[in-house]
Amino acid sequence: MATPNTDSIAAEAEEAATPRAQRTPTELAYDCPEFRRLEQELQSQLTDEQWGLHVAIRDAEGDHTALEYARLRDEWYRHFPGLAPAMRAVEQHLSDTPTAGLGTCCVEAAP
């Protein structure tokens, strides 16, 4: 029987306890088991230098995506100034909602 990697388990528990709003796009991507599997497979085939370049590219892509999202979001706010406060409130609520709660929050339970 394999011994569990307690460092990995502790890191995953700490990651899960961090509110979504405080996590980076890269950290959020790690919520996907398939992404984790592919990352581990790729890392096993690369040198440390190559892996470092991959991480730098992945992080730069995440930064670009986040900036593009922020630009589009700000344009939505600008185009709908009367709705912008409500849109900001919903955005914050969704950021604060754990992934497992998305799609189920704010739904009244059936009697």
PDB file of N, CA and C in Angstrom:
ATOM      1  N   MET A   1       0.851  -1.184   0.000  1.00  0.00           N
ATOM      2  CA  MET A   1       0.000   0.000   0.000  1.00  0.00           C
ATOM      3  C   MET A   1       0.887   1.235   0.000  1.00  0.00           C
ATOM      4  N   ALA A   2       0.590   2.186  -0.871  1.00  0.00           N
ATOM      5  CA  ALA A   2       1.391   3.410  -0.989  1.00  0.00           C
ATOM      6  C   ALA A   2       1.133   4.334   0.193  1.00  0.00           C
ATOM      7  N   THR A   3       2.191   4.988   0.627  1.00  0.00           N
ATOM      8  CA  THR A   3       2.067   5.959   1.707  1.00  0.00           C
ATOM      9  C   THR A   3       1.578   7.275   1.130  1.00  0.00           C
ATOM     10  N   PRO A   4       0.536   7.881   1.707  1.00  0.00           N
ATOM     11  CA  PRO A   4       0.040   9.148   1.169  1.00  0.00           C
ATOM     12  C   PRO A   4       1.075  10.247   1.347  1.00  0.00           C
ATOM     13  N   ASN A   5       1.139  11.137   0.390  1.00  0.00           N
ATOM     14  CA  ASN A   5       2.028  12.289   0.457  1.00  0.00           C
ATOM     15  C   ASN A   5       1.336  13.343   1.322  1.00  0.00           C
ATOM     16  N   THR A   6       1.709  13.410   2.598  1.00  0.00           N
ATOM     17  CA  THR A   6       1.027  14.321   3.524  1.00  0.00           C
ATOM     18  C   THR A   6       1.284  15.781   3.190  1.00  0.00           C
ATOM     19  N   ASP A   7       2.463  16.087   2.598  1.00  0.00           N
ATOM     20  CA  ASP A   7       2.711  17.470   2.178  1.00  0.00           C
ATOM     21  C   ASP A   7       1.706  17.888   1.117  1.00  0.00           C
ATOM     22  N   SER A   8       1.447  16.982   0.159  1.00  0.00           N
ATOM     23  CA  SER A   8       0.496  17.259  -0.907  1.00  0.00           C
ATOM     24  C   SER A   8      -0.913  17.390  -0.342  1.00  0.00           C
ATOM     25  N   ILE A   9      -1.265  16.514   0.572  1.00  0.00           N
ATOM     26  CA  ILE A   9      -2.597  16.558   1.183  1.00  0.00           C
ATOM     27  C   ILE A   9      -2.774  17.864   1.949  1.00  0.00           C
ATOM     28  N   ALA A  10      -1.756  18.276   2.701  1.00  0.00           N
ATOM     29  CA  ALA A  10      -1.830  19.532   3.453  1.00  0.00           C
ATOM     30  C   ALA A  10      -1.942  20.725   2.512  1.00  0.00           C
ATOM     31  N   ALA A  11      -1.182  20.701   1.418  1.00  0.00           N
ATOM     32  CA  ALA A  11      -1.235  21.801   0.445  1.00  0.00           C
ATOM     33  C   ALA A  11      -2.612  21.888  -0.195  1.00  0.00           C
ATOM     34  N   GLU A  12      -3.185  20.731  -0.531  1.00  0.00           N
ATOM     35  CA  GLU A  12      -4.523  20.729  -1.132  1.00  0.00           C
ATOM     36  C   GLU A  12      -5.570  21.231  -0.144  1.00  0.00           C
ATOM     37  N   ALA A  13      -5.435  20.866   1.128  1.00  0.00           N
ATOM     38  CA  ALA A  13      -6.382  21.332   2.141  1.00  0.00           C
ATOM     39  C   ALA A  13      -6.268  22.846   2.319  1.00  0.00           C
ATOM     40  N   GLU A  14      -5.041  23.348   2.343  1.00  0.00           N
ATOM     41  CA  GLU A  14      -4.834  24.793   2.482  1.00  0.00           C
ATOM     42  C   GLU A  14      -5.397  25.526   1.264  1.00  0.00           C
ATOM     43  N   GLU A  15      -5.170  24.980   0.074  1.00  0.00           N
ATOM     44  CA  GLU A  15      -5.687  25.583  -1.161  1.00  0.00           C
ATOM     45  C   GLU A  15      -7.209  25.627  -1.132  1.00  0.00           C
ATOM     46  N   ALA A  16      -7.830  24.548  -0.701  1.00  0.00           N
ATOM     47  CA  ALA A  16      -9.289  24.485  -0.655  1.00  0.00           C
ATOM     48  C   ALA A  16      -9.866  25.468   0.351  1.00  0.00           C
ATOM     49  N   ALA A  17      -9.107  25.789   1.392  1.00  0.00           N
ATOM     50  CA  ALA A  17      -9.589  26.700   2.422  1.00  0.00           C
ATOM     51  C   ALA A  17      -9.453  28.166   2.014  1.00  0.00           C
ATOM     52  N   THR A  18      -8.675  28.451   0.979  1.00  0.00           N
ATOM     53  CA  THR A  18      -8.482  29.824   0.527  1.00  0.00           C
ATOM     54  C   THR A  18      -9.705  30.264  -0.268  1.00  0.00           C
ATOM     55  N   PRO A  19     -10.324  31.395   0.117  1.00  0.00           N
ATOM     56  CA  PRO A  19     -11.501  31.860  -0.632  1.00  0.00           C
ATOM     57  C   PRO A  19     -11.171  32.047  -2.108  1.00  0.00           C
ATOM     58  N   ARG A  20     -12.117  31.683  -2.952  1.00  0.00           N
ATOM     59  CA  ARG A  20     -11.937  31.768  -4.401  1.00  0.00           C
ATOM     60  C   ARG A  20     -11.477  33.145  -4.850  1.00  0.00           C
ATOM     61  N   ALA A  21     -12.017  34.191  -4.236  1.00  0.00           N
ATOM     62  CA  ALA A  21     -11.684  35.554  -4.636  1.00  0.00           C
ATOM     63  C   ALA A  21     -10.211  35.871  -4.412  1.00  0.00           C
ATOM     64  N   GLN A  22      -9.541  35.130  -3.531  1.00  0.00           N
ATOM     65  CA  GLN A  22      -8.139  35.395  -3.215  1.00  0.00           C
ATOM     66  C   GLN A  22      -7.198  34.469  -3.981  1.00  0.00           C
ATOM     67  N   ARG A  23      -7.749  33.622  -4.842  1.00  0.00           N
ATOM     68  CA  ARG A  23      -6.924  32.673  -5.575  1.00  0.00           C
ATOM     69  C   ARG A  23      -6.644  33.198  -6.970  1.00  0.00           C
ATOM     70  N   THR A  24      -5.468  32.908  -7.482  1.00  0.00           N
ATOM     71  CA  THR A  24      -5.067  33.345  -8.815  1.00  0.00           C
ATOM     72  C   THR A  24      -5.728  32.459  -9.865  1.00  0.00           C
ATOM     73  N   PRO A  25      -5.783  32.928 -11.120  1.00  0.00           N
ATOM     74  CA  PRO A  25      -6.341  32.074 -12.176  1.00  0.00           C
ATOM     75  C   PRO A  25      -5.628  30.723 -12.280  1.00  0.00           C
ATOM     76  N   THR A  26      -4.323  30.716 -12.071  1.00  0.00           N
ATOM     77  CA  THR A  26      -3.579  29.461 -12.129  1.00  0.00           C
ATOM     78  C   THR A  26      -4.030  28.527 -11.015  1.00  0.00           C
ATOM     79  N   GLU A  27      -4.208  29.062  -9.812  1.00  0.00           N
ATOM     80  CA  GLU A  27      -4.682  28.230  -8.701  1.00  0.00           C
ATOM     81  C   GLU A  27      -6.077  27.693  -8.997  1.00  0.00           C
ATOM     82  N   LEU A  28      -6.923  28.513  -9.590  1.00  0.00           N
ATOM     83  CA  LEU A  28      -8.273  28.067  -9.909  1.00  0.00           C
ATOM     84  C   LEU A  28      -8.249  26.965 -10.964  1.00  0.00           C
ATOM     85  N   ALA A  29      -7.326  27.056 -11.909  1.00  0.00           N
ATOM     86  CA  ALA A  29      -7.217  26.025 -12.940  1.00  0.00           C
ATOM     87  C   ALA A  29      -6.889  24.677 -12.314  1.00  0.00           C
ATOM     88  N   TYR A  30      -6.150  24.698 -11.214  1.00  0.00           N
ATOM     89  CA  TYR A  30      -5.774  23.451 -10.553  1.00  0.00           C
ATOM     90  C   TYR A  30      -6.961  22.752  -9.906  1.00  0.00           C
ATOM     91  N   ASP A  31      -8.138  23.394  -9.886  1.00  0.00           N
ATOM     92  CA  ASP A  31      -9.335  22.723  -9.389  1.00  0.00           C
ATOM     93  C   ASP A  31      -9.737  21.571 -10.302  1.00  0.00           C
ATOM     94  N   CYS A  32      -9.232  21.564 -11.517  1.00  0.00           N
ATOM     95  CA  CYS A  32      -9.597  20.564 -12.524  1.00  0.00           C
ATOM     96  C   CYS A  32      -8.640  19.369 -12.453  1.00  0.00           C
ATOM     97  N   PRO A  33      -9.123  18.187 -12.098  1.00  0.00           N
ATOM     98  CA  PRO A  33      -8.239  17.008 -11.997  1.00  0.00           C
ATOM     99  C   PRO A  33      -7.515  16.696 -13.308  1.00  0.00           C
ATOM    100  N   GLU A  34      -8.168  16.885 -14.441  1.00  0.00           N
ATOM    101  CA  GLU A  34      -7.527  16.603 -15.727  1.00  0.00           C
ATOM    102  C   GLU A  34      -6.356  17.554 -15.951  1.00  0.00           C
ATOM    103  N   PHE A  35      -6.511  18.816 -15.568  1.00  0.00           N
ATOM    104  CA  PHE A  35      -5.422  19.780 -15.690  1.00  0.00           C
ATOM    105  C   PHE A  35      -4.246  19.330 -14.832  1.00  0.00           C
ATOM    106  N   ARG A  36      -4.518  18.912 -13.606  1.00  0.00           N
ATOM    107  CA  ARG A  36      -3.459  18.424 -12.714  1.00  0.00           C
ATOM    108  C   ARG A  36      -2.736  17.226 -13.320  1.00  0.00           C
ATOM    109  N   ARG A  37      -3.506  16.289 -13.862  1.00  0.00           N
ATOM    110  CA  ARG A  37      -2.915  15.080 -14.441  1.00  0.00           C
ATOM    111  C   ARG A  37      -1.993  15.436 -15.601  1.00  0.00           C
ATOM    112  N   LEU A  38      -2.454  16.306 -16.487  1.00  0.00           N
ATOM    113  CA  LEU A  38      -1.652  16.696 -17.641  1.00  0.00           C
ATOM    114  C   LEU A  38      -0.409  17.464 -17.217  1.00  0.00           C
ATOM    115  N   GLU A  39      -0.540  18.336 -16.226  1.00  0.00           N
ATOM    116  CA  GLU A  39       0.611  19.083 -15.726  1.00  0.00           C
ATOM    117  C   GLU A  39       1.664  18.118 -15.156  1.00  0.00           C
ATOM    118  N   GLN A  40       1.228  17.132 -14.390  1.00  0.00           N
ATOM    119  CA  GLN A  40       2.164  16.177 -13.807  1.00  0.00           C
ATOM    120  C   GLN A  40       2.856  15.355 -14.893  1.00  0.00           C
ATOM    121  N   GLU A  41       2.089  14.953 -15.904  1.00  0.00           N
ATOM    122  CA  GLU A  41       2.673  14.177 -16.997  1.00  0.00           C
ATOM    123  C   GLU A  41       3.709  15.010 -17.752  1.00  0.00           C
ATOM    124  N   LEU A  42       3.371  16.264 -18.046  1.00  0.00           N
ATOM    125  CA  LEU A  42       4.308  17.127 -18.751  1.00  0.00           C
ATOM    126  C   LEU A  42       5.558  17.388 -17.914  1.00  0.00           C
ATOM    127  N   GLN A  43       5.370  17.686 -16.632  1.00  0.00           N
ATOM    128  CA  GLN A  43       6.511  17.985 -15.763  1.00  0.00           C
ATOM    129  C   GLN A  43       7.470  16.797 -15.697  1.00  0.00           C
ATOM    130  N   SER A  44       6.945  15.593 -15.723  1.00  0.00           N
ATOM    131  CA  SER A  44       7.809  14.409 -15.652  1.00  0.00           C
ATOM    132  C   SER A  44       8.672  14.249 -16.903  1.00  0.00           C
ATOM    133  N   GLN A  45       8.305  14.902 -17.985  1.00  0.00           N
ATOM    134  CA  GLN A  45       9.025  14.757 -19.243  1.00  0.00           C
ATOM    135  C   GLN A  45       9.949  15.932 -19.562  1.00  0.00           C
ATOM    136  N   LEU A  46       9.944  16.969 -18.722  1.00  0.00           N
ATOM    137  CA  LEU A  46      10.736  18.168 -18.992  1.00  0.00           C
ATOM    138  C   LEU A  46      11.879  18.329 -17.995  1.00  0.00           C
ATOM    139  N   THR A  47      12.920  19.020 -18.427  1.00  0.00           N
ATOM    140  CA  THR A  47      13.988  19.393 -17.492  1.00  0.00           C
ATOM    141  C   THR A  47      13.455  20.510 -16.596  1.00  0.00           C
ATOM    142  N   ASP A  48      14.159  20.812 -15.514  1.00  0.00           N
ATOM    143  CA  ASP A  48      13.740  21.896 -14.634  1.00  0.00           C
ATOM    144  C   ASP A  48      13.665  23.226 -15.383  1.00  0.00           C
ATOM    145  N   GLU A  49      14.637  23.452 -16.271  1.00  0.00           N
ATOM    146  CA  GLU A  49      14.649  24.706 -17.045  1.00  0.00           C
ATOM    147  C   GLU A  49      13.437  24.776 -17.984  1.00  0.00           C
ATOM    148  N   GLN A  50      13.146  23.673 -18.657  1.00  0.00           N
ATOM    149  CA  GLN A  50      11.991  23.649 -19.551  1.00  0.00           C
ATOM    150  C   GLN A  50      10.691  23.813 -18.763  1.00  0.00           C
ATOM    151  N   TRP A  51      10.618  23.170 -17.611  1.00  0.00           N
ATOM    152  CA  TRP A  51       9.412  23.289 -16.782  1.00  0.00           C
ATOM    153  C   TRP A  51       9.239  24.739 -16.324  1.00  0.00           C
ATOM    154  N   GLY A  52      10.332  25.385 -15.942  1.00  0.00           N
ATOM    155  CA  GLY A  52      10.266  26.783 -15.529  1.00  0.00           C
ATOM    156  C   GLY A  52       9.747  27.674 -16.647  1.00  0.00           C
ATOM    157  N   LEU A  53      10.167  27.403 -17.875  1.00  0.00           N
ATOM    158  CA  LEU A  53       9.671  28.170 -19.022  1.00  0.00           C
ATOM    159  C   LEU A  53       8.181  27.916 -19.224  1.00  0.00           C
ATOM    160  N   HIS A  54       7.766  26.673 -19.094  1.00  0.00           N
ATOM    161  CA  HIS A  54       6.336  26.347 -19.209  1.00  0.00           C
ATOM    162  C   HIS A  54       5.525  27.111 -18.166  1.00  0.00           C
ATOM    163  N   VAL A  55       5.991  27.108 -16.924  1.00  0.00           N
ATOM    164  CA  VAL A  55       5.272  27.804 -15.849  1.00  0.00           C
ATOM    165  C   VAL A  55       5.192  29.305 -16.150  1.00  0.00           C
ATOM    166  N   ALA A  56       6.293  29.887 -16.628  1.00  0.00           N
ATOM    167  CA  ALA A  56       6.301  31.313 -16.953  1.00  0.00           C
ATOM    168  C   ALA A  56       5.301  31.626 -18.068  1.00  0.00           C
ATOM    169  N   ILE A  57       5.247  30.777 -19.088  1.00  0.00           N
ATOM    170  CA  ILE A  57       4.293  30.972 -20.188  1.00  0.00           C
ATOM    171  C   ILE A  57       2.866  30.831 -19.677  1.00  0.00           C
ATOM    172  N   ARG A  58       2.611  29.789 -18.888  1.00  0.00           N
ATOM    173  CA  ARG A  58       1.269  29.558 -18.346  1.00  0.00           C
ATOM    174  C   ARG A  58       0.821  30.730 -17.484  1.00  0.00           C
ATOM    175  N   ASP A  59       1.722  31.243 -16.643  1.00  0.00           N
ATOM    176  CA  ASP A  59       1.369  32.365 -15.783  1.00  0.00           C
ATOM    177  C   ASP A  59       1.120  33.636 -16.587  1.00  0.00           C
ATOM    178  N   ALA A  60       1.939  33.868 -17.621  1.00  0.00           N
ATOM    179  CA  ALA A  60       1.743  35.050 -18.468  1.00  0.00           C
ATOM    180  C   ALA A  60       0.412  34.957 -19.205  1.00  0.00           C
ATOM    181  N   GLU A  61       0.072  33.760 -19.655  1.00  0.00           N
ATOM    182  CA  GLU A  61      -1.215  33.569 -20.325  1.00  0.00           C
ATOM    183  C   GLU A  61      -2.366  33.826 -19.354  1.00  0.00           C
ATOM    184  N   GLY A  62      -2.229  33.351 -18.126  1.00  0.00           N
ATOM    185  CA  GLY A  62      -3.251  33.604 -17.108  1.00  0.00           C
ATOM    186  C   GLY A  62      -3.395  35.080 -16.809  1.00  0.00           C
ATOM    187  N   ASP A  63      -2.258  35.790 -16.725  1.00  0.00           N
ATOM    188  CA  ASP A  63      -2.301  37.235 -16.489  1.00  0.00           C
ATOM    189  C   ASP A  63      -3.014  37.944 -17.635  1.00  0.00           C
ATOM    190  N   HIS A  64      -2.697  37.542 -18.864  1.00  0.00           N
ATOM    191  CA  HIS A  64      -3.340  38.152 -20.030  1.00  0.00           C
ATOM    192  C   HIS A  64      -4.849  37.909 -20.007  1.00  0.00           C
ATOM    193  N   THR A  65      -5.240  36.682 -19.703  1.00  0.00           N
ATOM    194  CA  THR A  65      -6.658  36.340 -19.644  1.00  0.00           C
ATOM    195  C   THR A  65      -7.367  37.167 -18.577  1.00  0.00           C
ATOM    196  N   ALA A  66      -6.743  37.306 -17.418  1.00  0.00           N
ATOM    197  CA  ALA A  66      -7.343  38.093 -16.331  1.00  0.00           C
ATOM    198  C   ALA A  66      -7.496  39.560 -16.730  1.00  0.00           C
ATOM    199  N   LEU A  67      -6.483  40.105 -17.397  1.00  0.00           N
ATOM    200  CA  LEU A  67      -6.561  41.502 -17.844  1.00  0.00           C
ATOM    201  C   LEU A  67      -7.643  41.683 -18.905  1.00  0.00           C
ATOM    202  N   GLU A  68      -7.757  40.733 -19.805  1.00  0.00           N
ATOM    203  CA  GLU A  68      -8.797  40.811 -20.842  1.00  0.00           C
ATOM    204  C   GLU A  68     -10.177  40.715 -20.209  1.00  0.00           C
ATOM    205  N   TYR A  69     -10.341  39.828 -19.241  1.00  0.00           N
ATOM    206  CA  TYR A  69     -11.620  39.724 -18.534  1.00  0.00           C
ATOM    207  C   TYR A  69     -11.943  41.044 -17.835  1.00  0.00           C
ATOM    208  N   ALA A  70     -10.964  41.629 -17.165  1.00  0.00           N
ATOM    209  CA  ALA A  70     -11.184  42.896 -16.454  1.00  0.00           C
ATOM    210  C   ALA A  70     -11.570  44.005 -17.433  1.00  0.00           C
ATOM    211  N   ARG A  71     -10.937  44.022 -18.598  1.00  0.00           N
ATOM    212  CA  ARG A  71     -11.268  45.032 -19.603  1.00  0.00           C
ATOM    213  C   ARG A  71     -12.709  44.860 -20.076  1.00  0.00           C
ATOM    214  N   LEU A  72     -13.099  43.640 -20.391  1.00  0.00           N
ATOM    215  CA  LEU A  72     -14.467  43.388 -20.844  1.00  0.00           C
ATOM    216  C   LEU A  72     -15.482  43.692 -19.745  1.00  0.00           C
ATOM    217  N   ARG A  73     -15.157  43.289 -18.513  1.00  0.00           N
ATOM    218  CA  ARG A  73     -16.045  43.563 -17.381  1.00  0.00           C
ATOM    219  C   ARG A  73     -16.243  45.060 -17.203  1.00  0.00           C
ATOM    220  N   ASP A  74     -15.160  45.823 -17.282  1.00  0.00           N
ATOM    221  CA  ASP A  74     -15.252  47.275 -17.128  1.00  0.00           C
ATOM    222  C   ASP A  74     -16.078  47.903 -18.243  1.00  0.00           C
ATOM    223  N   GLU A  75     -16.003  47.332 -19.434  1.00  0.00           N
ATOM    224  CA  GLU A  75     -16.825  47.835 -20.547  1.00  0.00           C
ATOM    225  C   GLU A  75     -18.301  47.544 -20.306  1.00  0.00           C
ATOM    226  N   TRP A  76     -18.605  46.373 -19.739  1.00  0.00           N
ATOM    227  CA  TRP A  76     -19.999  46.085 -19.371  1.00  0.00           C
ATOM    228  C   TRP A  76     -20.485  47.125 -18.369  1.00  0.00           C
ATOM    229  N   TYR A  77     -19.688  47.417 -17.368  1.00  0.00           N
ATOM    230  CA  TYR A  77     -20.064  48.420 -16.372  1.00  0.00           C
ATOM    231  C   TYR A  77     -20.283  49.779 -17.023  1.00  0.00           C
ATOM    232  N   ARG A  78     -19.397  50.146 -17.957  1.00  0.00           N
ATOM    233  CA  ARG A  78     -19.495  51.455 -18.608  1.00  0.00           C
ATOM    234  C   ARG A  78     -20.740  51.538 -19.488  1.00  0.00           C
ATOM    235  N   HIS A  79     -21.079  50.432 -20.161  1.00  0.00           N
ATOM    236  CA  HIS A  79     -22.237  50.433 -21.044  1.00  0.00           C
ATOM    237  C   HIS A  79     -23.566  50.376 -20.287  1.00  0.00           C
ATOM    238  N   PHE A  80     -23.548  49.879 -19.070  1.00  0.00           N
ATOM    239  CA  PHE A  80     -24.758  49.760 -18.251  1.00  0.00           C
ATOM    240  C   PHE A  80     -24.522  50.393 -16.879  1.00  0.00           C
ATOM    241  N   PRO A  81     -24.327  51.719 -16.840  1.00  0.00           N
ATOM    242  CA  PRO A  81     -23.966  52.369 -15.573  1.00  0.00           C
ATOM    243  C   PRO A  81     -25.005  52.177 -14.472  1.00  0.00           C
ATOM    244  N   GLY A  82     -26.271  52.099 -14.837  1.00  0.00           N
ATOM    245  CA  GLY A  82     -27.307  51.896 -13.821  1.00  0.00           C
ATOM    246  C   GLY A  82     -27.276  50.504 -13.212  1.00  0.00           C
ATOM    247  N   LEU A  83     -26.781  49.533 -13.982  1.00  0.00           N
ATOM    248  CA  LEU A  83     -26.707  48.153 -13.493  1.00  0.00           C
ATOM    249  C   LEU A  83     -25.355  47.810 -12.880  1.00  0.00           C
ATOM    250  N   ALA A  84     -24.371  48.676 -13.091  1.00  0.00           N
ATOM    251  CA  ALA A  84     -23.000  48.372 -12.652  1.00  0.00           C
ATOM    252  C   ALA A  84     -22.906  48.013 -11.164  1.00  0.00           C
ATOM    253  N   PRO A  85     -23.574  48.754 -10.248  1.00  0.00           N
ATOM    254  CA  PRO A  85     -23.456  48.351  -8.835  1.00  0.00           C
ATOM    255  C   PRO A  85     -23.987  46.940  -8.575  1.00  0.00           C
ATOM    256  N   ALA A  86     -25.094  46.576  -9.195  1.00  0.00           N
ATOM    257  CA  ALA A  86     -25.644  45.233  -9.008  1.00  0.00           C
ATOM    258  C   ALA A  86     -24.723  44.194  -9.641  1.00  0.00           C
ATOM    259  N   MET A  87     -24.170  44.503 -10.809  1.00  0.00           N
ATOM    260  CA  MET A  87     -23.259  43.574 -11.471  1.00  0.00           C
ATOM    261  C   MET A  87     -22.008  43.349 -10.621  1.00  0.00           C
ATOM    262  N   ARG A  88     -21.501  44.419  -9.996  1.00  0.00           N
ATOM    263  CA  ARG A  88     -20.331  44.279  -9.118  1.00  0.00           C
ATOM    264  C   ARG A  88     -20.666  43.410  -7.911  1.00  0.00           C
ATOM    265  N   ALA A  89     -21.864  43.605  -7.364  1.00  0.00           N
ATOM    266  CA  ALA A  89     -22.274  42.811  -6.198  1.00  0.00           C
ATOM    267  C   ALA A  89     -22.383  41.327  -6.562  1.00  0.00           C
ATOM    268  N   VAL A  90     -22.959  41.029  -7.715  1.00  0.00           N
ATOM    269  CA  VAL A  90     -23.083  39.630  -8.146  1.00  0.00           C
ATOM    270  C   VAL A  90     -21.704  39.049  -8.423  1.00  0.00           C
ATOM    271  N   GLU A  91     -20.841  39.837  -9.060  1.00  0.00           N
ATOM    272  CA  GLU A  91     -19.480  39.364  -9.325  1.00  0.00           C
ATOM    273  C   GLU A  91     -18.772  38.998  -8.019  1.00  0.00           C
ATOM    274  N   GLN A  92     -18.905  39.860  -7.011  1.00  0.00           N
ATOM    275  CA  GLN A  92     -18.267  39.573  -5.721  1.00  0.00           C
ATOM    276  C   GLN A  92     -18.866  38.324  -5.090  1.00  0.00           C
ATOM    277  N   HIS A  93     -20.200  38.211  -5.162  1.00  0.00           N
ATOM    278  CA  HIS A  93     -20.880  37.035  -4.604  1.00  0.00           C
ATOM    279  C   HIS A  93     -20.381  35.757  -5.279  1.00  0.00           C
ATOM    280  N   LEU A  94     -20.255  35.778  -6.612  1.00  0.00           N
ATOM    281  CA  LEU A  94     -19.789  34.588  -7.323  1.00  0.00           C
ATOM    282  C   LEU A  94     -18.339  34.278  -6.992  1.00  0.00           C
ATOM    283  N   SER A  95     -17.533  35.313  -6.809  1.00  0.00           N
ATOM    284  CA  SER A  95     -16.129  35.101  -6.434  1.00  0.00           C
ATOM    285  C   SER A  95     -16.018  34.479  -5.050  1.00  0.00           C
ATOM    286  N   ASP A  96     -16.929  34.845  -4.172  1.00  0.00           N
ATOM    287  CA  ASP A  96     -16.901  34.337  -2.800  1.00  0.00           C
ATOM    288  C   ASP A  96     -17.543  32.957  -2.657  1.00  0.00           C
ATOM    289  N   THR A  97     -18.266  32.508  -3.671  1.00  0.00           N
ATOM    290  CA  THR A  97     -18.976  31.235  -3.603  1.00  0.00           C
ATOM    291  C   THR A  97     -18.038  30.090  -3.983  1.00  0.00           C
ATOM    292  N   PRO A  98     -17.905  29.077  -3.124  1.00  0.00           N
ATOM    293  CA  PRO A  98     -17.062  27.932  -3.474  1.00  0.00           C
ATOM    294  C   PRO A  98     -17.539  27.294  -4.781  1.00  0.00           C
ATOM    295  N   THR A  99     -16.616  26.722  -5.511  1.00  0.00           N
ATOM    296  CA  THR A  99     -16.931  26.112  -6.802  1.00  0.00           C
ATOM    297  C   THR A  99     -18.112  25.152  -6.682  1.00  0.00           C
ATOM    298  N   ALA A 100     -18.158  24.377  -5.630  1.00  0.00           N
ATOM    299  CA  ALA A 100     -19.227  23.395  -5.461  1.00  0.00           C
ATOM    300  C   ALA A 100     -20.593  24.063  -5.323  1.00  0.00           C
ATOM    301  N   GLY A 101     -20.620  25.325  -4.885  1.00  0.00           N
ATOM    302  CA  GLY A 101     -21.886  26.019  -4.700  1.00  0.00           C
ATOM    303  C   GLY A 101     -22.394  26.734  -5.935  1.00  0.00           C
ATOM    304  N   LEU A 102     -21.532  26.890  -6.940  1.00  0.00           N
ATOM    305  CA  LEU A 102     -21.963  27.593  -8.151  1.00  0.00           C
ATOM    306  C   LEU A 102     -23.075  26.821  -8.838  1.00  0.00           C
ATOM    307  N   GLY A 103     -24.115  27.526  -9.226  1.00  0.00           N
ATOM    308  CA  GLY A 103     -25.263  26.895  -9.865  1.00  0.00           C
ATOM    309  C   GLY A 103     -26.317  26.442  -8.875  1.00  0.00           C
ATOM    310  N   THR A 104     -25.976  26.450  -7.597  1.00  0.00           N
ATOM    311  CA  THR A 104     -26.946  26.034  -6.578  1.00  0.00           C
ATOM    312  C   THR A 104     -27.206  27.137  -5.566  1.00  0.00           C
ATOM    313  N   CYS A 105     -26.373  28.175  -5.541  1.00  0.00           N
ATOM    314  CA  CYS A 105     -26.591  29.256  -4.591  1.00  0.00           C
ATOM    315  C   CYS A 105     -27.802  30.087  -5.036  1.00  0.00           C
ATOM    316  N   CYS A 106     -28.391  30.760  -4.100  1.00  0.00           N
ATOM    317  CA  CYS A 106     -29.490  31.685  -4.379  1.00  0.00           C
ATOM    318  C   CYS A 106     -30.703  31.007  -5.014  1.00  0.00           C
ATOM    319  N   VAL A 107     -30.837  29.718  -4.806  1.00  0.00           N
ATOM    320  CA  VAL A 107     -31.993  28.977  -5.311  1.00  0.00           C
ATOM    321  C   VAL A 107     -32.800  28.561  -4.102  1.00  0.00           C
ATOM    322  N   GLU A 108     -34.070  28.924  -4.128  1.00  0.00           N
ATOM    323  CA  GLU A 108     -34.922  28.550  -3.001  1.00  0.00           C
ATOM    324  C   GLU A 108     -35.175  27.057  -3.018  1.00  0.00           C
ATOM    325  N   ALA A 109     -35.116  26.478  -1.854  1.00  0.00           N
ATOM    326  CA  ALA A 109     -35.386  25.041  -1.735  1.00  0.00           C
ATOM    327  C   ALA A 109     -36.877  24.793  -1.948  1.00  0.00           C
ATOM    328  N   ALA A 110     -37.200  23.684  -2.583  1.00  0.00           N
ATOM    329  CA  ALA A 110     -38.602  23.326  -2.795  1.00  0.00           C
ATOM    330  C   ALA A 110     -39.225  22.990  -1.449  1.00  0.00           C
ATOM    331  N   PRO A 111     -40.493  23.408  -1.252  1.00  0.00           N
ATOM    332  CA  PRO A 111     -41.151  23.106   0.040  1.00  0.00           C
ATOM    333  C   PRO A 111     -41.391  21.634   0.252  1.00  0.00           C
TER     334      PRO A 111
END
